[in-house]
Each structure stands twice: as structure tokens, then as C-alpha cells.
Amino acid sequence: MNTRRITSIARTAIVAAGIGAAAAIGAAGPAAAVTNDQFVSYVQSMGITIDSPQAVLTAASDVCSALGDGQSAVTVGREILSQNKISTEQAAQFIVASVNTYCPQYRNDLSG
């Protein structure tokens, strides 16, 4: 199997899904404008079943930490997919929403 092609497809899915998520979560506004409750509600609106609000917030924090440690959005997306029963689009939306809400300094890292 061609790993380079899979990486390209995953990157494209993350970027494409992220465009819609960025608009929906209010990327243009400051991160503080979205409360934790609003973030959790947004995640649920993506069709993602959550165990607890705290688990969602911890996962969002983990996304920021991983990007801060130099991992790519694609790598973070793969990790999320391996641990959850969600679609690639949902994983991408979650990553973008996490970044836009809690660590906007990593927005440029989402472009591929």
C-alpha cells in the first residue's frame, strides 16, 4: 500500500474538513469567545458521541499539546482515529475546532 498516498489523502481530508469547522466555530474571533460548554456542544453537533465533557476538553488539550510538541495535524488525526469510532471528517473537525478554540497559535500548522 502506498503510504505517501494515504498521508496525502488524510492531509487533504483534514484540511478540507477544517475549512467548514473553522467557519462554524468562529475562527475569526478570539479563542476566549468560545466557552468550554459551547465547545462541547459543537463537538456533539458534529455527531461525535462523548463519554463526558471533561474527556472532550482533555482531548482538545491533547491536540494542542501534540501540535506544540511538533506533531503534524495528520499524525494527530491518525491518533484520534485509532482511539475513537469517528470518521476522518469528524477527526479533522475536532482538530480544527480544538486549535481555533484553545491554541490558535497552531492554525498555520493545519494547512498541511
PDB file of N, CA and C in Angstrom:
ATOM      1  N   MET A   1       0.848  -1.186   0.000  1.00  0.00           N
ATOM      2  CA  MET A   1       0.000   0.000   0.000  1.00  0.00           C
ATOM      3  C   MET A   1       0.888   1.242   0.000  1.00  0.00           C
ATOM      4  N   ASN A   2       0.497   2.247  -0.681  1.00  0.00           N
ATOM      5  CA  ASN A   2       1.295   3.456  -0.827  1.00  0.00           C
ATOM      6  C   ASN A   2       1.057   4.398   0.349  1.00  0.00           C
ATOM      7  N   THR A   3       2.024   4.441   1.261  1.00  0.00           N
ATOM      8  CA  THR A   3       1.905   5.280   2.453  1.00  0.00           C
ATOM      9  C   THR A   3       1.845   6.755   2.098  1.00  0.00           C
ATOM     10  N   ARG A   4       2.587   7.155   1.101  1.00  0.00           N
ATOM     11  CA  ARG A   4       2.592   8.562   0.694  1.00  0.00           C
ATOM     12  C   ARG A   4       1.196   8.990   0.243  1.00  0.00           C
ATOM     13  N   ARG A   5       0.489   8.135  -0.491  1.00  0.00           N
ATOM     14  CA  ARG A   5      -0.860   8.441  -0.963  1.00  0.00           C
ATOM     15  C   ARG A   5      -1.825   8.541   0.213  1.00  0.00           C
ATOM     16  N   ILE A   6      -1.725   7.624   1.172  1.00  0.00           N
ATOM     17  CA  ILE A   6      -2.599   7.661   2.346  1.00  0.00           C
ATOM     18  C   ILE A   6      -2.372   8.946   3.128  1.00  0.00           C
ATOM     19  N   THR A   7      -1.118   9.324   3.299  1.00  0.00           N
ATOM     20  CA  THR A   7      -0.813  10.564   4.001  1.00  0.00           C
ATOM     21  C   THR A   7      -1.407  11.753   3.273  1.00  0.00           C
ATOM     22  N   SER A   8      -1.298  11.764   1.961  1.00  0.00           N
ATOM     23  CA  SER A   8      -1.850  12.851   1.160  1.00  0.00           C
ATOM     24  C   SER A   8      -3.368  12.907   1.291  1.00  0.00           C
ATOM     25  N   ILE A   9      -4.014  11.761   1.236  1.00  0.00           N
ATOM     26  CA  ILE A   9      -5.474  11.716   1.386  1.00  0.00           C
ATOM     27  C   ILE A   9      -5.880  12.200   2.766  1.00  0.00           C
ATOM     28  N   ALA A  10      -5.189  11.746   3.799  1.00  0.00           N
ATOM     29  CA  ALA A  10      -5.515  12.163   5.163  1.00  0.00           C
ATOM     30  C   ALA A  10      -5.312  13.665   5.329  1.00  0.00           C
ATOM     31  N   ARG A  11      -4.215  14.182   4.797  1.00  0.00           N
ATOM     32  CA  ARG A  11      -3.938  15.618   4.893  1.00  0.00           C
ATOM     33  C   ARG A  11      -5.033  16.405   4.186  1.00  0.00           C
ATOM     34  N   THR A  12      -5.411  15.967   2.996  1.00  0.00           N
ATOM     35  CA  THR A  12      -6.468  16.639   2.239  1.00  0.00           C
ATOM     36  C   THR A  12      -7.780  16.617   3.009  1.00  0.00           C
ATOM     37  N   ALA A  13      -8.109  15.487   3.610  1.00  0.00           N
ATOM     38  CA  ALA A  13      -9.347  15.383   4.386  1.00  0.00           C
ATOM     39  C   ALA A  13      -9.320  16.303   5.589  1.00  0.00           C
ATOM     40  N   ILE A  14      -8.194  16.375   6.254  1.00  0.00           N
ATOM     41  CA  ILE A  14      -8.097  17.242   7.433  1.00  0.00           C
ATOM     42  C   ILE A  14      -8.235  18.702   7.031  1.00  0.00           C
ATOM     43  N   VAL A  15      -7.572  19.097   5.988  1.00  0.00           N
ATOM     44  CA  VAL A  15      -7.647  20.488   5.548  1.00  0.00           C
ATOM     45  C   VAL A  15      -9.040  20.826   5.042  1.00  0.00           C
ATOM     46  N   ALA A  16      -9.626  19.953   4.227  1.00  0.00           N
ATOM     47  CA  ALA A  16     -10.948  20.217   3.665  1.00  0.00           C
ATOM     48  C   ALA A  16     -12.011  20.269   4.749  1.00  0.00           C
ATOM     49  N   ALA A  17     -11.989  19.323   5.654  1.00  0.00           N
ATOM     50  CA  ALA A  17     -12.976  19.319   6.730  1.00  0.00           C
ATOM     51  C   ALA A  17     -12.763  20.509   7.645  1.00  0.00           C
ATOM     52  N   GLY A  18     -11.521  20.895   7.784  1.00  0.00           N
ATOM     53  CA  GLY A  18     -11.205  22.016   8.654  1.00  0.00           C
ATOM     54  C   GLY A  18     -11.771  23.331   8.201  1.00  0.00           C
ATOM     55  N   ILE A  19     -11.932  23.496   6.915  1.00  0.00           N
ATOM     56  CA  ILE A  19     -12.473  24.749   6.396  1.00  0.00           C
ATOM     57  C   ILE A  19     -13.874  24.991   6.948  1.00  0.00           C
ATOM     58  N   GLY A  20     -14.718  23.981   6.909  1.00  0.00           N
ATOM     59  CA  GLY A  20     -16.068  24.116   7.451  1.00  0.00           C
ATOM     60  C   GLY A  20     -16.068  24.284   8.957  1.00  0.00           C
ATOM     61  N   ALA A  21     -15.215  23.547   9.630  1.00  0.00           N
ATOM     62  CA  ALA A  21     -15.149  23.637  11.084  1.00  0.00           C
ATOM     63  C   ALA A  21     -14.658  25.007  11.522  1.00  0.00           C
ATOM     64  N   ALA A  22     -13.696  25.542  10.797  1.00  0.00           N
ATOM     65  CA  ALA A  22     -13.167  26.850  11.154  1.00  0.00           C
ATOM     66  C   ALA A  22     -14.269  27.906  11.102  1.00  0.00           C
ATOM     67  N   ALA A  23     -15.097  27.832  10.083  1.00  0.00           N
ATOM     68  CA  ALA A  23     -16.191  28.793   9.968  1.00  0.00           C
ATOM     69  C   ALA A  23     -17.224  28.573  11.060  1.00  0.00           C
ATOM     70  N   ALA A  24     -17.519  27.332  11.348  1.00  0.00           N
ATOM     71  CA  ALA A  24     -18.563  27.030  12.321  1.00  0.00           C
ATOM     72  C   ALA A  24     -18.170  27.405  13.742  1.00  0.00           C
ATOM     73  N   ILE A  25     -16.916  27.259  14.092  1.00  0.00           N
ATOM     74  CA  ILE A  25     -16.506  27.530  15.468  1.00  0.00           C
ATOM     75  C   ILE A  25     -16.108  28.988  15.655  1.00  0.00           C
ATOM     76  N   GLY A  26     -16.076  29.735  14.571  1.00  0.00           N
ATOM     77  CA  GLY A  26     -15.787  31.159  14.687  1.00  0.00           C
ATOM     78  C   GLY A  26     -14.299  31.449  14.709  1.00  0.00           C
ATOM     79  N   ALA A  27     -13.599  30.978  13.713  1.00  0.00           N
ATOM     80  CA  ALA A  27     -12.141  31.126  13.668  1.00  0.00           C
ATOM     81  C   ALA A  27     -11.696  32.584  13.705  1.00  0.00           C
ATOM     82  N   ALA A  28     -12.513  33.462  13.212  1.00  0.00           N
ATOM     83  CA  ALA A  28     -12.090  34.856  13.151  1.00  0.00           C
ATOM     84  C   ALA A  28     -12.097  35.522  14.523  1.00  0.00           C
ATOM     85  N   GLY A  29     -12.855  34.985  15.439  1.00  0.00           N
ATOM     86  CA  GLY A  29     -12.951  35.589  16.761  1.00  0.00           C
ATOM     87  C   GLY A  29     -11.867  35.094  17.688  1.00  0.00           C
ATOM     88  N   PRO A  30     -11.700  35.765  18.818  1.00  0.00           N
ATOM     89  CA  PRO A  30     -10.695  35.335  19.785  1.00  0.00           C
ATOM     90  C   PRO A  30     -11.081  34.014  20.432  1.00  0.00           C
ATOM     91  N   ALA A  31     -10.086  33.248  20.838  1.00  0.00           N
ATOM     92  CA  ALA A  31     -10.332  31.934  21.427  1.00  0.00           C
ATOM     93  C   ALA A  31     -11.214  32.032  22.665  1.00  0.00           C
ATOM     94  N   ALA A  32     -11.070  33.077  23.435  1.00  0.00           N
ATOM     95  CA  ALA A  32     -11.831  33.218  24.669  1.00  0.00           C
ATOM     96  C   ALA A  32     -13.327  33.393  24.419  1.00  0.00           C
ATOM     97  N   ALA A  33     -13.701  33.686  23.169  1.00  0.00           N
ATOM     98  CA  ALA A  33     -15.107  33.911  22.854  1.00  0.00           C
ATOM     99  C   ALA A  33     -15.928  32.625  22.905  1.00  0.00           C
ATOM    100  N   VAL A  34     -15.290  31.478  22.851  1.00  0.00           N
ATOM    101  CA  VAL A  34     -15.983  30.196  22.898  1.00  0.00           C
ATOM    102  C   VAL A  34     -15.774  29.582  24.278  1.00  0.00           C
ATOM    103  N   THR A  35     -16.870  29.309  24.961  1.00  0.00           N
ATOM    104  CA  THR A  35     -16.754  28.702  26.283  1.00  0.00           C
ATOM    105  C   THR A  35     -16.552  27.194  26.159  1.00  0.00           C
ATOM    106  N   ASN A  36     -16.131  26.568  27.242  1.00  0.00           N
ATOM    107  CA  ASN A  36     -15.979  25.116  27.248  1.00  0.00           C
ATOM    108  C   ASN A  36     -17.299  24.428  26.915  1.00  0.00           C
ATOM    109  N   ASP A  37     -18.398  24.931  27.469  1.00  0.00           N
ATOM    110  CA  ASP A  37     -19.710  24.336  27.192  1.00  0.00           C
ATOM    111  C   ASP A  37     -20.064  24.452  25.715  1.00  0.00           C
ATOM    112  N   GLN A  38     -19.759  25.586  25.105  1.00  0.00           N
ATOM    113  CA  GLN A  38     -20.030  25.765  23.680  1.00  0.00           C
ATOM    114  C   GLN A  38     -19.162  24.816  22.850  1.00  0.00           C
ATOM    115  N   PHE A  39     -17.921  24.636  23.256  1.00  0.00           N
ATOM    116  CA  PHE A  39     -17.042  23.718  22.549  1.00  0.00           C
ATOM    117  C   PHE A  39     -17.595  22.301  22.615  1.00  0.00           C
ATOM    118  N   VAL A  40     -17.990  21.866  23.790  1.00  0.00           N
ATOM    119  CA  VAL A  40     -18.547  20.518  23.957  1.00  0.00           C
ATOM    120  C   VAL A  40     -19.810  20.373  23.107  1.00  0.00           C
ATOM    121  N   SER A  41     -20.665  21.377  23.121  1.00  0.00           N
ATOM    122  CA  SER A  41     -21.883  21.333  22.304  1.00  0.00           C
ATOM    123  C   SER A  41     -21.548  21.241  20.824  1.00  0.00           C
ATOM    124  N   TYR A  42     -20.531  21.982  20.397  1.00  0.00           N
ATOM    125  CA  TYR A  42     -20.120  21.928  18.999  1.00  0.00           C
ATOM    126  C   TYR A  42     -19.631  20.534  18.637  1.00  0.00           C
ATOM    127  N   VAL A  43     -18.830  19.936  19.504  1.00  0.00           N
ATOM    128  CA  VAL A  43     -18.329  18.580  19.249  1.00  0.00           C
ATOM    129  C   VAL A  43     -19.502  17.609  19.116  1.00  0.00           C
ATOM    130  N   GLN A  44     -20.480  17.728  19.980  1.00  0.00           N
ATOM    131  CA  GLN A  44     -21.662  16.867  19.890  1.00  0.00           C
ATOM    132  C   GLN A  44     -22.426  17.120  18.591  1.00  0.00           C
ATOM    133  N   SER A  45     -22.458  18.373  18.141  1.00  0.00           N
ATOM    134  CA  SER A  45     -23.177  18.694  16.897  1.00  0.00           C
ATOM    135  C   SER A  45     -22.497  18.086  15.675  1.00  0.00           C
ATOM    136  N   MET A  46     -21.227  17.695  15.809  1.00  0.00           N
ATOM    137  CA  MET A  46     -20.514  17.014  14.730  1.00  0.00           C
ATOM    138  C   MET A  46     -20.942  15.555  14.618  1.00  0.00           C
ATOM    139  N   GLY A  47     -21.757  15.110  15.570  1.00  0.00           N
ATOM    140  CA  GLY A  47     -22.182  13.717  15.576  1.00  0.00           C
ATOM    141  C   GLY A  47     -21.249  12.818  16.370  1.00  0.00           C
ATOM    142  N   ILE A  48     -20.387  13.423  17.159  1.00  0.00           N
ATOM    143  CA  ILE A  48     -19.452  12.662  17.979  1.00  0.00           C
ATOM    144  C   ILE A  48     -20.088  12.401  19.335  1.00  0.00           C
ATOM    145  N   THR A  49     -20.181  11.130  19.687  1.00  0.00           N
ATOM    146  CA  THR A  49     -20.690  10.751  20.996  1.00  0.00           C
ATOM    147  C   THR A  49     -19.565  10.913  22.007  1.00  0.00           C
ATOM    148  N   ILE A  50     -19.851  11.564  23.111  1.00  0.00           N
ATOM    149  CA  ILE A  50     -18.811  11.800  24.102  1.00  0.00           C
ATOM    150  C   ILE A  50     -19.110  11.055  25.393  1.00  0.00           C
ATOM    151  N   ASP A  51     -18.035  10.655  26.078  1.00  0.00           N
ATOM    152  CA  ASP A  51     -18.186   9.994  27.377  1.00  0.00           C
ATOM    153  C   ASP A  51     -18.478  11.013  28.461  1.00  0.00           C
ATOM    154  N   SER A  52     -17.795  12.136  28.395  1.00  0.00           N
ATOM    155  CA  SER A  52     -18.011  13.202  29.364  1.00  0.00           C
ATOM    156  C   SER A  52     -17.471  14.505  28.792  1.00  0.00           C
ATOM    157  N   PRO A  53     -18.024  15.627  29.238  1.00  0.00           N
ATOM    158  CA  PRO A  53     -17.480  16.906  28.776  1.00  0.00           C
ATOM    159  C   PRO A  53     -15.989  17.040  29.106  1.00  0.00           C
ATOM    160  N   GLN A  54     -15.587  16.563  30.260  1.00  0.00           N
ATOM    161  CA  GLN A  54     -14.177  16.678  30.644  1.00  0.00           C
ATOM    162  C   GLN A  54     -13.279  15.891  29.693  1.00  0.00           C
ATOM    163  N   ALA A  55     -13.746  14.738  29.233  1.00  0.00           N
ATOM    164  CA  ALA A  55     -12.962  13.943  28.287  1.00  0.00           C
ATOM    165  C   ALA A  55     -12.754  14.704  26.977  1.00  0.00           C
ATOM    166  N   VAL A  56     -13.773  15.421  26.535  1.00  0.00           N
ATOM    167  CA  VAL A  56     -13.666  16.219  25.306  1.00  0.00           C
ATOM    168  C   VAL A  56     -12.657  17.341  25.494  1.00  0.00           C
ATOM    169  N   LEU A  57     -12.728  18.006  26.642  1.00  0.00           N
ATOM    170  CA  LEU A  57     -11.810  19.109  26.908  1.00  0.00           C
ATOM    171  C   LEU A  57     -10.373  18.617  27.049  1.00  0.00           C
ATOM    172  N   THR A  58     -10.209  17.450  27.648  1.00  0.00           N
ATOM    173  CA  THR A  58      -8.878  16.859  27.763  1.00  0.00           C
ATOM    174  C   THR A  58      -8.335  16.500  26.387  1.00  0.00           C
ATOM    175  N   ALA A  59      -9.189  15.946  25.543  1.00  0.00           N
ATOM    176  CA  ALA A  59      -8.762  15.592  24.185  1.00  0.00           C
ATOM    177  C   ALA A  59      -8.362  16.840  23.400  1.00  0.00           C
ATOM    178  N   ALA A  60      -9.106  17.918  23.563  1.00  0.00           N
ATOM    179  CA  ALA A  60      -8.762  19.177  22.881  1.00  0.00           C
ATOM    180  C   ALA A  60      -7.409  19.688  23.370  1.00  0.00           C
ATOM    181  N   SER A  61      -7.179  19.586  24.657  1.00  0.00           N
ATOM    182  CA  SER A  61      -5.894  19.981  25.225  1.00  0.00           C
ATOM    183  C   SER A  61      -4.768  19.110  24.685  1.00  0.00           C
ATOM    184  N   ASP A  62      -5.050  17.817  24.532  1.00  0.00           N
ATOM    185  CA  ASP A  62      -4.060  16.891  23.982  1.00  0.00           C
ATOM    186  C   ASP A  62      -3.700  17.247  22.539  1.00  0.00           C
ATOM    187  N   VAL A  63      -4.691  17.698  21.768  1.00  0.00           N
ATOM    188  CA  VAL A  63      -4.429  18.135  20.396  1.00  0.00           C
ATOM    189  C   VAL A  63      -3.432  19.291  20.418  1.00  0.00           C
ATOM    190  N   CYS A  64      -3.693  20.261  21.261  1.00  0.00           N
ATOM    191  CA  CYS A  64      -2.807  21.426  21.352  1.00  0.00           C
ATOM    192  C   CYS A  64      -1.409  21.020  21.805  1.00  0.00           C
ATOM    193  N   SER A  65      -1.333  20.141  22.786  1.00  0.00           N
ATOM    194  CA  SER A  65      -0.033  19.681  23.285  1.00  0.00           C
ATOM    195  C   SER A  65       0.751  18.956  22.198  1.00  0.00           C
ATOM    196  N   ALA A  66       0.067  18.091  21.457  1.00  0.00           N
ATOM    197  CA  ALA A  66       0.733  17.331  20.398  1.00  0.00           C
ATOM    198  C   ALA A  66       1.269  18.261  19.309  1.00  0.00           C
ATOM    199  N   LEU A  67       0.459  19.235  18.904  1.00  0.00           N
ATOM    200  CA  LEU A  67       0.924  20.196  17.899  1.00  0.00           C
ATOM    201  C   LEU A  67       2.084  21.022  18.455  1.00  0.00           C
ATOM    202  N   GLY A  68       1.998  21.378  19.727  1.00  0.00           N
ATOM    203  CA  GLY A  68       3.071  22.120  20.377  1.00  0.00           C
ATOM    204  C   GLY A  68       4.361  21.331  20.463  1.00  0.00           C
ATOM    205  N   ASP A  69       4.224  20.004  20.520  1.00  0.00           N
ATOM    206  CA  ASP A  69       5.396  19.122  20.551  1.00  0.00           C
ATOM    207  C   ASP A  69       5.948  18.841  19.160  1.00  0.00           C
ATOM    208  N   GLY A  70       5.322  19.439  18.138  1.00  0.00           N
ATOM    209  CA  GLY A  70       5.836  19.304  16.784  1.00  0.00           C
ATOM    210  C   GLY A  70       5.176  18.230  15.930  1.00  0.00           C
ATOM    211  N   GLN A  71       4.152  17.556  16.457  1.00  0.00           N
ATOM    212  CA  GLN A  71       3.459  16.560  15.640  1.00  0.00           C
ATOM    213  C   GLN A  71       2.626  17.279  14.580  1.00  0.00           C
ATOM    214  N   SER A  72       2.471  16.650  13.439  1.00  0.00           N
ATOM    215  CA  SER A  72       1.644  17.234  12.386  1.00  0.00           C
ATOM    216  C   SER A  72       0.173  16.982  12.690  1.00  0.00           C
ATOM    217  N   ALA A  73      -0.679  17.775  12.047  1.00  0.00           N
ATOM    218  CA  ALA A  73      -2.123  17.586  12.197  1.00  0.00           C
ATOM    219  C   ALA A  73      -2.530  16.210  11.689  1.00  0.00           C
ATOM    220  N   VAL A  74      -1.857  15.732  10.650  1.00  0.00           N
ATOM    221  CA  VAL A  74      -2.168  14.403  10.116  1.00  0.00           C
ATOM    222  C   VAL A  74      -1.863  13.329  11.149  1.00  0.00           C
ATOM    223  N   THR A  75      -0.725  13.437  11.815  1.00  0.00           N
ATOM    224  CA  THR A  75      -0.363  12.471  12.855  1.00  0.00           C
ATOM    225  C   THR A  75      -1.362  12.516  14.002  1.00  0.00           C
ATOM    226  N   VAL A  76      -1.738  13.706  14.413  1.00  0.00           N
ATOM    227  CA  VAL A  76      -2.728  13.861  15.487  1.00  0.00           C
ATOM    228  C   VAL A  76      -4.053  13.256  15.046  1.00  0.00           C
ATOM    229  N   GLY A  77      -4.436  13.505  13.793  1.00  0.00           N
ATOM    230  CA  GLY A  77      -5.686  12.940  13.275  1.00  0.00           C
ATOM    231  C   GLY A  77      -5.676  11.424  13.273  1.00  0.00           C
ATOM    232  N   ARG A  78      -4.569  10.847  12.872  1.00  0.00           N
ATOM    233  CA  ARG A  78      -4.463   9.378  12.885  1.00  0.00           C
ATOM    234  C   ARG A  78      -4.610   8.829  14.299  1.00  0.00           C
ATOM    235  N   GLU A  79      -3.998   9.505  15.258  1.00  0.00           N
ATOM    236  CA  GLU A  79      -4.099   9.069  16.655  1.00  0.00           C
ATOM    237  C   GLU A  79      -5.550   9.125  17.129  1.00  0.00           C
ATOM    238  N   ILE A  80      -6.219  10.206  16.808  1.00  0.00           N
ATOM    239  CA  ILE A  80      -7.631  10.339  17.188  1.00  0.00           C
ATOM    240  C   ILE A  80      -8.458   9.231  16.538  1.00  0.00           C
ATOM    241  N   LEU A  81      -8.218   8.982  15.264  1.00  0.00           N
ATOM    242  CA  LEU A  81      -8.963   7.934  14.560  1.00  0.00           C
ATOM    243  C   LEU A  81      -8.701   6.553  15.154  1.00  0.00           C
ATOM    244  N   SER A  82      -7.479   6.308  15.599  1.00  0.00           N
ATOM    245  CA  SER A  82      -7.150   4.989  16.149  1.00  0.00           C
ATOM    246  C   SER A  82      -7.790   4.751  17.513  1.00  0.00           C
ATOM    247  N   GLN A  83      -8.181   5.814  18.183  1.00  0.00           N
ATOM    248  CA  GLN A  83      -8.725   5.683  19.542  1.00  0.00           C
ATOM    249  C   GLN A  83     -10.229   5.909  19.627  1.00  0.00           C
ATOM    250  N   ASN A  84     -10.847   6.290  18.530  1.00  0.00           N
ATOM    251  CA  ASN A  84     -12.265   6.640  18.562  1.00  0.00           C
ATOM    252  C   ASN A  84     -12.981   6.086  17.337  1.00  0.00           C
ATOM    253  N   LYS A  85     -14.256   5.866  17.486  1.00  0.00           N
ATOM    254  CA  LYS A  85     -15.070   5.404  16.363  1.00  0.00           C
ATOM    255  C   LYS A  85     -15.748   6.614  15.731  1.00  0.00           C
ATOM    256  N   ILE A  86     -14.924   7.388  15.000  1.00  0.00           N
ATOM    257  CA  ILE A  86     -15.415   8.573  14.310  1.00  0.00           C
ATOM    258  C   ILE A  86     -14.851   8.572  12.897  1.00  0.00           C
ATOM    259  N   SER A  87     -15.425   9.408  12.055  1.00  0.00           N
ATOM    260  CA  SER A  87     -14.962   9.499  10.668  1.00  0.00           C
ATOM    261  C   SER A  87     -13.726  10.394  10.583  1.00  0.00           C
ATOM    262  N   THR A  88     -13.065  10.316   9.444  1.00  0.00           N
ATOM    263  CA  THR A  88     -11.919  11.188   9.189  1.00  0.00           C
ATOM    264  C   THR A  88     -12.355  12.643   9.239  1.00  0.00           C
ATOM    265  N   GLU A  89     -13.518  12.932   8.681  1.00  0.00           N
ATOM    266  CA  GLU A  89     -14.033  14.301   8.698  1.00  0.00           C
ATOM    267  C   GLU A  89     -14.270  14.776  10.125  1.00  0.00           C
ATOM    268  N   GLN A  90     -14.851  13.925  10.969  1.00  0.00           N
ATOM    269  CA  GLN A  90     -15.087  14.307  12.360  1.00  0.00           C
ATOM    270  C   GLN A  90     -13.768  14.553  13.097  1.00  0.00           C
ATOM    271  N   ALA A  91     -12.782  13.711  12.841  1.00  0.00           N
ATOM    272  CA  ALA A  91     -11.472  13.901  13.477  1.00  0.00           C
ATOM    273  C   ALA A  91     -10.870  15.232  13.046  1.00  0.00           C
ATOM    274  N   ALA A  92     -10.966  15.527  11.755  1.00  0.00           N
ATOM    275  CA  ALA A  92     -10.438  16.786  11.244  1.00  0.00           C
ATOM    276  C   ALA A  92     -11.162  17.977  11.853  1.00  0.00           C
ATOM    277  N   GLN A  93     -12.479  17.895  11.907  1.00  0.00           N
ATOM    278  CA  GLN A  93     -13.254  18.978  12.505  1.00  0.00           C
ATOM    279  C   GLN A  93     -12.882  19.173  13.971  1.00  0.00           C
ATOM    280  N   PHE A  94     -12.671  18.065  14.671  1.00  0.00           N
ATOM    281  CA  PHE A  94     -12.301  18.167  16.080  1.00  0.00           C
ATOM    282  C   PHE A  94     -10.949  18.851  16.247  1.00  0.00           C
ATOM    283  N   ILE A  95      -9.995  18.495  15.400  1.00  0.00           N
ATOM    284  CA  ILE A  95      -8.669  19.106  15.478  1.00  0.00           C
ATOM    285  C   ILE A  95      -8.761  20.606  15.216  1.00  0.00           C
ATOM    286  N   VAL A  96      -9.451  20.970  14.151  1.00  0.00           N
ATOM    287  CA  VAL A  96      -9.563  22.386  13.804  1.00  0.00           C
ATOM    288  C   VAL A  96     -10.307  23.157  14.888  1.00  0.00           C
ATOM    289  N   ALA A  97     -11.384  22.598  15.391  1.00  0.00           N
ATOM    290  CA  ALA A  97     -12.135  23.268  16.457  1.00  0.00           C
ATOM    291  C   ALA A  97     -11.279  23.418  17.714  1.00  0.00           C
ATOM    292  N   SER A  98     -10.499  22.402  18.033  1.00  0.00           N
ATOM    293  CA  SER A  98      -9.620  22.466  19.204  1.00  0.00           C
ATOM    294  C   SER A  98      -8.592  23.577  19.039  1.00  0.00           C
ATOM    295  N   VAL A  99      -7.978  23.623  17.873  1.00  0.00           N
ATOM    296  CA  VAL A  99      -6.971  24.652  17.608  1.00  0.00           C
ATOM    297  C   VAL A  99      -7.595  26.035  17.628  1.00  0.00           C
ATOM    298  N   ASN A 100      -8.698  26.207  16.935  1.00  0.00           N
ATOM    299  CA  ASN A 100      -9.331  27.521  16.870  1.00  0.00           C
ATOM    300  C   ASN A 100      -9.785  28.010  18.241  1.00  0.00           C
ATOM    301  N   THR A 101     -10.162  27.089  19.101  1.00  0.00           N
ATOM    302  CA  THR A 101     -10.689  27.462  20.404  1.00  0.00           C
ATOM    303  C   THR A 101      -9.603  27.602  21.463  1.00  0.00           C
ATOM    304  N   TYR A 102      -8.663  26.670  21.496  1.00  0.00           N
ATOM    305  CA  TYR A 102      -7.728  26.612  22.612  1.00  0.00           C
ATOM    306  C   TYR A 102      -6.268  26.911  22.280  1.00  0.00           C
ATOM    307  N   CYS A 103      -5.883  26.817  21.034  1.00  0.00           N
ATOM    308  CA  CYS A 103      -4.472  27.088  20.703  1.00  0.00           C
ATOM    309  C   CYS A 103      -4.358  27.656  19.285  1.00  0.00           C
ATOM    310  N   PRO A 104      -4.934  28.829  19.073  1.00  0.00           N
ATOM    311  CA  PRO A 104      -4.931  29.415  17.732  1.00  0.00           C
ATOM    312  C   PRO A 104      -3.531  29.680  17.183  1.00  0.00           C
ATOM    313  N   GLN A 105      -2.537  29.658  18.030  1.00  0.00           N
ATOM    314  CA  GLN A 105      -1.169  29.861  17.546  1.00  0.00           C
ATOM    315  C   GLN A 105      -0.727  28.730  16.615  1.00  0.00           C
ATOM    316  N   TYR A 106      -1.470  27.622  16.584  1.00  0.00           N
ATOM    317  CA  TYR A 106      -1.133  26.493  15.714  1.00  0.00           C
ATOM    318  C   TYR A 106      -1.984  26.431  14.447  1.00  0.00           C
ATOM    319  N   ARG A 107      -2.772  27.456  14.162  1.00  0.00           N
ATOM    320  CA  ARG A 107      -3.628  27.443  12.970  1.00  0.00           C
ATOM    321  C   ARG A 107      -2.835  27.204  11.700  1.00  0.00           C
ATOM    322  N   ASN A 108      -1.665  27.803  11.579  1.00  0.00           N
ATOM    323  CA  ASN A 108      -0.862  27.624  10.371  1.00  0.00           C
ATOM    324  C   ASN A 108      -0.382  26.185  10.214  1.00  0.00           C
ATOM    325  N   ASP A 109      -0.327  25.438  11.302  1.00  0.00           N
ATOM    326  CA  ASP A 109       0.098  24.035  11.246  1.00  0.00           C
ATOM    327  C   ASP A 109      -0.970  23.148  10.616  1.00  0.00           C
ATOM    328  N   LEU A 110      -2.171  23.661  10.436  1.00  0.00           N
ATOM    329  CA  LEU A 110      -3.264  22.859   9.890  1.00  0.00           C
ATOM    330  C   LEU A 110      -3.299  22.877   8.370  1.00  0.00           C
ATOM    331  N   SER A 111      -2.501  23.709   7.761  1.00  0.00           N
ATOM    332  CA  SER A 111      -2.568  23.851   6.314  1.00  0.00           C
ATOM    333  C   SER A 111      -1.827  22.764   5.552  1.00  0.00           C
ATOM    334  N   GLY A 112      -1.264  21.835   6.247  1.00  0.00           N
ATOM    335  CA  GLY A 112      -0.670  20.724   5.529  1.00  0.00           C
ATOM    336  C   GLY A 112       0.781  20.614   5.787  1.00  0.00           C
TER     337      GLY A 112
END
